[in-house]
């Protein structure tokens, strides 16, 4: 039996021009995760990251915490299969049409435009995002040039199977990725439907980790969305 840990990246730069970078809080979350693991002598035989900057930098900060503590941390390899779904493209292409045809999406967008504080605006934009992505996941919104939800899940499953085979029996491995791939892994373990998998994706905390046990074709969820290193609600974020 082997152990696979999937880590969601630290908080990225939501609502900024370049989302794909860690915010200062995201860097803190990542450092706390590394310090938490290193202080408990948590060791991995293999490490990997998805291809995004926020994946790689979360892994880098965790590795630096290990080095400061004098604990070995393997050099991560990049695995493109653990990229996030292309939700930004889906939103960009689908939203204009939905604003013309979908009363619910239009009302959510109007609420986002009327928000009076950054916090309200962030929450309102998230509601728009969830409504649009929910329609895409359910198959209502084919988007040109973007993977379908089914294709995304199939990619993640291929990546998991290949990485598990590379790690070998009895290994402990960690992959730094995003909420979508983690939700797809939970779907594989629990045989969820598409909309339930999407709900899992929205629940994933920044810098949290989920654990799976695998042996051959067996793939079992052991822990989900763990964040014992985040002491206090101000450190817990979802975007």
Protein backbone atom coordinates (compact mmCIF):
# COMPACT_ATOMS: atom_id res chain seq x y z
CA UNK A 1 0.00 0.00 0.00
CA UNK A 2 1.35 3.43 -0.99
CA UNK A 3 0.34 6.92 0.11
CA UNK A 4 -0.38 9.90 -2.13
CA UNK A 5 -0.81 13.42 -0.75
CA UNK A 6 -2.32 16.17 -2.91
CA UNK A 7 -1.70 19.76 -1.80
CA UNK A 8 -3.70 22.71 -3.02
CA UNK A 9 -1.50 25.73 -3.71
CA UNK A 10 -1.37 28.66 -1.33
CA UNK A 11 -3.69 31.59 -1.96
CA UNK A 12 -3.16 33.05 -5.42
CA UNK A 13 -3.69 36.66 -6.52
CA UNK A 14 -7.45 36.71 -7.04
CA UNK A 15 -8.81 39.77 -8.91
CA UNK A 16 -5.29 40.89 -9.88
CA UNK A 17 -3.98 41.04 -13.44
CA UNK A 18 -1.82 37.96 -12.88
CA UNK A 19 -3.77 35.39 -10.87
CA UNK A 20 -1.05 32.76 -11.22
CA UNK A 21 1.20 33.93 -8.42
CA UNK A 22 1.01 33.45 -4.67
CA UNK A 23 -0.28 36.34 -2.59
CA UNK A 24 1.72 37.27 0.53
CA UNK A 25 -0.83 35.25 2.53
CA UNK A 26 -0.39 32.33 0.13
CA UNK A 27 3.35 32.39 0.77
CA UNK A 28 2.69 32.36 4.51
CA UNK A 29 0.27 29.44 4.19
CA UNK A 30 2.85 27.47 2.21
CA UNK A 31 5.61 28.20 4.71
CA UNK A 32 3.41 27.11 7.61
CA UNK A 33 2.64 23.84 5.83
CA UNK A 34 6.34 23.15 5.29
CA UNK A 35 7.21 24.00 8.88
CA UNK A 36 4.34 21.85 10.19
CA UNK A 37 5.44 18.81 8.21
CA UNK A 38 9.16 19.28 8.81
CA UNK A 39 8.68 19.67 12.58
CA UNK A 40 6.92 16.30 12.57
CA UNK A 41 9.55 14.69 10.34
CA UNK A 42 7.00 13.97 7.60
CA UNK A 43 9.02 12.53 4.72
CA UNK A 44 8.23 11.89 1.08
CA UNK A 45 9.89 9.56 -1.39
CA UNK A 46 8.63 11.43 -4.47
CA UNK A 47 7.38 14.96 -5.09
CA UNK A 48 5.75 16.59 -8.11
CA UNK A 49 4.00 19.79 -9.08
CA UNK A 50 1.49 20.84 -11.66
CA UNK A 51 2.85 23.24 -14.30
CA UNK A 52 1.53 26.53 -12.90
CA UNK A 53 3.62 29.14 -11.09
CA UNK A 54 1.44 28.89 -7.99
CA UNK A 55 1.99 25.11 -7.88
CA UNK A 56 5.77 25.38 -8.24
CA UNK A 57 6.14 28.21 -5.74
CA UNK A 58 4.05 26.43 -3.09
CA UNK A 59 6.36 23.42 -3.46
CA UNK A 60 9.44 25.65 -3.37
CA UNK A 61 8.41 27.36 -0.12
CA UNK A 62 7.57 24.01 1.51
CA UNK A 63 10.97 22.65 0.42
CA UNK A 64 12.75 25.71 1.86
CA UNK A 65 11.06 25.12 5.23
CA UNK A 66 12.29 21.53 5.14
CA UNK A 67 15.85 22.64 4.37
CA UNK A 68 15.85 25.14 7.22
CA UNK A 69 14.77 22.32 9.55
CA UNK A 70 17.47 20.01 8.21
CA UNK A 71 14.92 17.53 6.80
CA UNK A 72 15.30 16.09 3.31
CA UNK A 73 12.72 17.06 0.69
CA UNK A 74 13.00 15.47 -2.78
CA UNK A 75 13.37 17.71 -5.83
CA UNK A 76 9.92 17.98 -7.44
CA UNK A 77 9.26 16.98 -11.03
CA UNK A 78 6.73 18.86 -13.17
CA UNK A 79 3.71 16.81 -14.27
CA UNK A 80 1.54 18.66 -16.84
CA UNK A 81 -1.42 16.34 -16.25
CA UNK A 82 -1.91 18.02 -12.85
CA UNK A 83 -2.78 21.38 -14.37
CA UNK A 84 -6.05 23.00 -13.29
CA UNK A 85 -9.12 22.92 -15.53
CA UNK A 86 -9.34 25.92 -17.87
CA UNK A 87 -12.10 27.62 -15.89
CA UNK A 88 -10.88 31.12 -16.76
CA UNK A 89 -11.30 30.43 -20.48
CA UNK A 90 -14.76 28.98 -19.82
CA UNK A 91 -15.78 32.09 -17.89
CA UNK A 92 -14.29 34.46 -20.47
CA UNK A 93 -16.00 32.82 -23.43
CA UNK A 94 -19.32 31.81 -21.89
CA UNK A 95 -20.19 34.78 -19.67
CA UNK A 96 -21.14 37.31 -22.39
CA UNK A 97 -23.71 34.94 -23.90
CA UNK A 98 -25.10 33.95 -20.51
CA UNK A 99 -25.58 37.59 -19.56
CA UNK A 100 -27.93 37.87 -22.53
CA UNK A 101 -29.83 34.62 -21.99
CA UNK A 102 -29.59 33.59 -18.32
CA UNK A 103 -31.51 35.69 -15.80
CA UNK A 104 -29.76 34.16 -12.77
CA UNK A 105 -26.27 34.81 -14.10
CA UNK A 106 -27.25 38.35 -15.08
CA UNK A 107 -28.54 39.05 -11.56
CA UNK A 108 -25.35 37.70 -10.00
CA UNK A 109 -23.24 39.85 -12.33
CA UNK A 110 -25.29 42.93 -11.47
CA UNK A 111 -24.75 42.21 -7.74
CA UNK A 112 -21.00 41.99 -8.33
CA UNK A 113 -21.05 45.34 -10.10
CA UNK A 114 -23.00 46.94 -7.23
CA UNK A 115 -20.75 45.58 -4.46
CA UNK A 116 -19.56 48.37 -2.16
CA UNK A 117 -16.52 46.70 -0.57
CA UNK A 118 -13.68 44.51 -1.91
CA UNK A 119 -14.90 41.61 0.23
CA UNK A 120 -18.44 41.85 -1.13
CA UNK A 121 -17.11 42.15 -4.68
CA UNK A 122 -14.90 39.09 -4.24
CA UNK A 123 -17.81 37.00 -2.91
CA UNK A 124 -20.13 38.22 -5.67
CA UNK A 125 -17.63 37.42 -8.41
CA UNK A 126 -17.16 33.95 -6.90
CA UNK A 127 -20.93 33.39 -7.15
CA UNK A 128 -20.84 34.34 -10.83
CA UNK A 129 -17.87 32.02 -11.35
CA UNK A 130 -19.62 29.11 -9.63
CA UNK A 131 -22.81 29.59 -11.65
CA UNK A 132 -20.97 29.62 -14.99
CA UNK A 133 -18.66 26.70 -14.17
CA UNK A 134 -21.63 24.71 -12.85
CA UNK A 135 -23.32 25.00 -16.23
CA UNK A 136 -20.11 23.95 -17.99
CA UNK A 137 -19.64 20.91 -15.72
CA UNK A 138 -23.22 19.80 -16.34
CA UNK A 139 -22.57 19.84 -20.10
CA UNK A 140 -24.72 22.89 -20.90
CA UNK A 141 -21.77 25.02 -22.06
CA UNK A 142 -19.41 23.53 -24.63
CA UNK A 143 -16.55 26.04 -24.94
CA UNK A 144 -14.37 26.21 -28.04
CA UNK A 145 -10.71 25.45 -27.36
CA UNK A 146 -11.25 24.28 -23.78
CA UNK A 147 -11.32 20.77 -22.37
CA UNK A 148 -14.71 19.50 -21.41
CA UNK A 149 -15.17 18.54 -17.77
CA UNK A 150 -15.07 14.87 -18.80
CA UNK A 151 -11.76 15.41 -20.64
CA UNK A 152 -10.32 17.22 -17.64
CA UNK A 153 -11.23 14.37 -15.28
CA UNK A 154 -9.79 11.81 -17.68
CA UNK A 155 -6.50 13.77 -17.80
CA UNK A 156 -6.23 13.85 -14.02
CA UNK A 157 -6.93 10.12 -13.79
CA UNK A 158 -4.22 9.39 -16.38
CA UNK A 159 -1.81 11.53 -14.39
CA UNK A 160 -2.64 9.79 -11.12
CA UNK A 161 -2.23 6.33 -12.64
CA UNK A 162 1.09 7.18 -14.28
CA UNK A 163 2.48 8.84 -11.17
CA UNK A 164 1.36 5.96 -8.94
CA UNK A 165 3.11 3.50 -11.26
CA UNK A 166 6.29 5.59 -11.19
CA UNK A 167 6.30 5.78 -7.38
CA UNK A 168 6.04 2.04 -6.88
CA UNK A 169 4.72 -0.03 -4.01
CA UNK A 170 5.10 1.30 -0.47
CA UNK A 171 6.08 4.85 -1.52
CA UNK A 172 4.87 8.10 0.02
CA UNK A 173 4.42 10.87 -2.56
CA UNK A 174 3.15 14.44 -2.65
CA UNK A 175 1.83 16.52 -5.57
CA UNK A 176 1.30 20.29 -5.42
CA UNK A 177 -1.65 21.20 -7.62
CA UNK A 178 -5.06 22.95 -7.61
CA UNK A 179 -8.56 22.40 -6.31
CA UNK A 180 -9.87 20.88 -9.55
CA UNK A 181 -7.37 17.99 -9.72
CA UNK A 182 -7.89 17.31 -6.01
CA UNK A 183 -11.66 17.14 -6.55
CA UNK A 184 -11.14 14.79 -9.51
CA UNK A 185 -9.03 12.53 -7.29
CA UNK A 186 -11.78 12.52 -4.64
CA UNK A 187 -14.28 11.68 -7.38
CA UNK A 188 -12.10 8.71 -8.38
CA UNK A 189 -11.91 7.48 -4.80
CA UNK A 190 -15.60 7.97 -3.92
CA UNK A 191 -17.24 7.55 -7.37
CA UNK A 192 -18.94 10.94 -7.24
CA UNK A 193 -21.06 12.55 -9.93
CA UNK A 194 -19.88 15.69 -11.79
CA UNK A 195 -21.80 18.27 -9.72
CA UNK A 196 -20.81 16.67 -6.42
CA UNK A 197 -17.19 16.74 -7.62
CA UNK A 198 -17.55 20.44 -8.38
CA UNK A 199 -18.84 21.05 -4.84
CA UNK A 200 -15.73 19.31 -3.52
CA UNK A 201 -13.60 21.68 -5.62
CA UNK A 202 -15.22 24.77 -4.07
CA UNK A 203 -14.53 23.39 -0.56
CA UNK A 204 -10.77 23.05 -1.02
CA UNK A 205 -8.76 25.39 1.24
CA UNK A 206 -5.55 27.02 0.08
CA UNK A 207 -2.50 24.98 1.19
CA UNK A 208 -4.71 22.17 2.53
CA UNK A 209 -3.80 18.57 1.78
CA UNK A 210 -5.76 15.43 1.03
CA UNK A 211 -4.42 11.90 1.42
CA UNK A 212 -5.12 8.80 -0.63
CA UNK A 213 -4.01 5.19 -0.28
CA UNK A 214 -3.35 3.19 -3.40
CA UNK A 215 -2.43 -0.35 -4.32
CA UNK A 216 -2.82 -1.58 -7.88
CA UNK A 217 -6.20 -0.31 -9.07
CA UNK A 218 -7.39 0.39 -5.54
CA UNK A 219 -7.54 4.10 -4.72
CA UNK A 220 -9.00 5.14 -1.36
CA UNK A 221 -9.54 8.53 0.31
CA UNK A 222 -7.88 8.71 3.72
CA UNK A 223 -8.19 12.44 4.56
CA UNK A 224 -9.63 15.50 2.81
CA UNK A 225 -8.89 19.23 3.07
CA UNK A 226 -6.66 18.94 6.15
CA UNK A 227 -5.14 22.21 7.36
CA UNK A 228 -3.76 21.77 10.92
CA UNK A 229 -0.97 24.23 10.05
CA UNK A 230 -3.48 27.08 9.63
CA UNK A 231 -4.07 28.23 13.19
CA UNK A 232 -6.85 30.80 13.05
CA UNK A 233 -9.61 31.67 10.62
CA UNK A 234 -7.69 34.62 9.12
CA UNK A 235 -5.28 32.13 7.56
CA UNK A 236 -8.02 30.05 5.90
CA UNK A 237 -8.92 31.04 2.34
CA UNK A 238 -10.61 29.38 -0.60
CA UNK A 239 -9.55 31.68 -3.51
